[in-house]
Protein backbone atom coordinates (compact mmCIF):
# COMPACT_ATOMS: atom_id res chain seq x y z
CA MET A 1 67.04 148.19 75.90
CA THR A 2 65.06 150.41 78.26
CA ASN A 3 64.17 154.04 77.84
CA PRO A 4 66.50 156.47 79.64
CA VAL A 5 65.25 158.13 82.80
CA GLU A 6 65.88 161.72 83.86
CA THR A 7 66.25 162.29 87.58
CA TYR A 8 66.66 165.79 88.98
CA LYS A 9 67.50 167.68 92.12
CA GLU A 10 66.72 171.34 92.81
CA PHE A 11 68.20 173.75 95.29
CA THR A 12 68.07 177.47 95.93
CA PHE A 13 70.58 180.04 97.05
CA GLU A 14 70.61 183.74 97.85
CA ALA A 15 73.50 185.80 96.51
CA ALA A 16 74.61 189.24 95.37
CA HIS A 17 76.38 190.11 92.14
CA GLU A 18 76.97 192.91 89.70
CA LEU A 19 77.39 192.93 85.94
CA PRO A 20 78.98 196.25 84.93
CA PRO A 21 78.03 198.19 82.88
CA TYR A 22 74.53 196.64 82.98
CA SER A 23 73.89 196.54 86.71
CA GLY A 24 75.28 197.65 90.02
CA LEU A 25 75.44 195.52 93.14
CA HIS A 26 72.13 193.72 93.80
CA GLY A 27 70.88 190.35 94.98
CA HIS A 28 68.63 187.52 93.82
CA SER A 29 67.04 184.32 94.98
CA PHE A 30 68.44 181.77 92.54
CA LYS A 31 67.00 178.35 91.76
CA VAL A 32 69.14 175.56 90.33
CA ARG A 33 67.96 172.31 88.75
CA ILE A 34 70.49 169.53 88.18
CA ALA A 35 69.28 166.84 85.73
CA LEU A 36 70.87 163.42 85.33
CA THR A 37 69.93 161.10 82.48
CA GLY A 38 70.71 157.44 82.02
CA GLU A 39 69.56 153.88 82.08
CA PRO A 40 67.25 153.20 85.01
CA ASP A 41 68.68 151.31 87.95
CA PRO A 42 67.18 147.78 87.81
CA LYS A 43 65.98 147.92 91.42
CA PHE A 44 65.13 151.59 92.10
CA GLY A 45 64.45 152.88 88.58
CA TRP A 46 66.46 156.09 89.02
CA SER A 47 69.19 157.31 86.69
CA ALA A 48 71.20 158.64 89.65
CA ASN A 49 71.07 158.15 93.39
CA LEU A 50 69.88 161.51 94.75
CA TYR A 51 71.50 160.85 98.12
CA GLU A 52 74.87 160.87 96.35
CA VAL A 53 73.91 163.87 94.19
CA GLU A 54 72.92 165.84 97.27
CA ARG A 55 76.38 165.38 98.79
CA LYS A 56 77.99 166.75 95.62
CA ILE A 57 75.64 169.74 95.53
CA GLU A 58 76.23 170.62 99.20
CA GLU A 59 79.67 172.13 98.57
CA ILE A 60 78.39 174.21 95.66
CA HIS A 61 75.55 175.50 97.81
CA LYS A 62 77.96 176.46 100.60
CA THR A 63 80.14 178.37 98.13
CA LEU A 64 77.30 180.34 96.52
CA ASP A 65 74.69 180.88 99.25
CA HIS A 66 74.74 184.34 100.85
CA GLY A 67 77.89 185.24 98.97
CA TYR A 68 79.12 187.85 96.52
CA LEU A 69 79.31 185.88 93.29
CA ASN A 70 81.85 188.15 91.61
CA GLN A 71 84.40 187.01 94.22
CA VAL A 72 83.87 183.28 93.67
CA GLU A 73 86.83 181.82 91.78
CA GLY A 74 85.74 181.31 88.17
CA LEU A 75 82.69 183.60 88.44
CA SER A 76 84.12 187.08 88.02
CA VAL A 77 81.29 187.72 85.51
CA PRO A 78 78.37 185.92 87.21
CA SER A 79 75.66 185.98 84.53
CA LEU A 80 73.05 183.23 84.64
CA GLU A 81 74.86 181.52 81.77
CA ASN A 82 78.25 181.64 83.51
CA ILE A 83 76.77 180.41 86.80
CA ALA A 84 75.20 177.42 85.01
CA ALA A 85 78.49 176.60 83.23
CA TRP A 86 80.43 176.96 86.52
CA ILE A 87 78.08 174.53 88.28
CA TRP A 88 78.36 172.11 85.33
CA GLN A 89 82.16 172.16 85.59
CA LYS A 90 82.04 171.55 89.35
CA LEU A 91 79.73 168.52 89.00
CA ARG A 92 80.61 166.88 85.70
CA GLY A 93 83.59 164.87 86.97
CA ASP A 94 81.65 163.37 89.89
CA LEU A 95 78.31 162.89 88.13
CA PRO A 96 78.79 161.25 84.72
CA ALA A 97 75.01 161.10 84.17
CA LEU A 98 74.82 164.93 84.38
CA SER A 99 72.78 166.09 81.40
CA GLU A 100 71.60 169.59 82.24
CA VAL A 101 72.01 172.48 84.66
CA VAL A 102 69.23 175.06 84.82
CA VAL A 103 69.72 178.33 86.72
CA SER A 104 66.88 180.82 87.15
CA ARG A 105 65.97 183.83 89.23
CA GLY A 106 62.73 185.60 89.96
CA PRO A 107 59.35 184.39 91.13
CA ASP A 108 57.47 181.59 89.40
CA GLY A 109 55.62 182.98 86.42
CA GLN A 110 58.13 185.83 86.03
CA ALA A 111 61.44 183.96 86.19
CA GLU A 112 64.29 184.19 83.75
CA GLY A 113 67.01 181.63 83.37
CA CYS A 114 69.49 179.58 81.44
CA VAL A 115 69.79 175.91 80.48
CA TYR A 116 73.34 174.56 80.16
CA ARG A 117 73.97 171.20 78.53
CA GLY A 118 77.77 171.21 78.23
């Protein structure tokens, strides 16, 4: 038995949201990391083919990028935690090796975020 491998893909998106009563309308640069864990492919060594993962992520990116998150179906309260859970739900059926979704905002060294593991 081989050790499992974690493969990941990151993407960014720009979006606005509000979280009343804590914040009014404002925007962020968000960073998302999708991790997939499993037995390594015998030829390539990966736990998931990133070309296939990228196609699944494309639709999520189109939905979120340069949008108003509060109006996205299922994200009426778009906290970091709810965004991560929403992305998990969108990907889980198509990516059985999905092990983690990380969503963060803010510059490196000052970022804040959430890790969702279903």
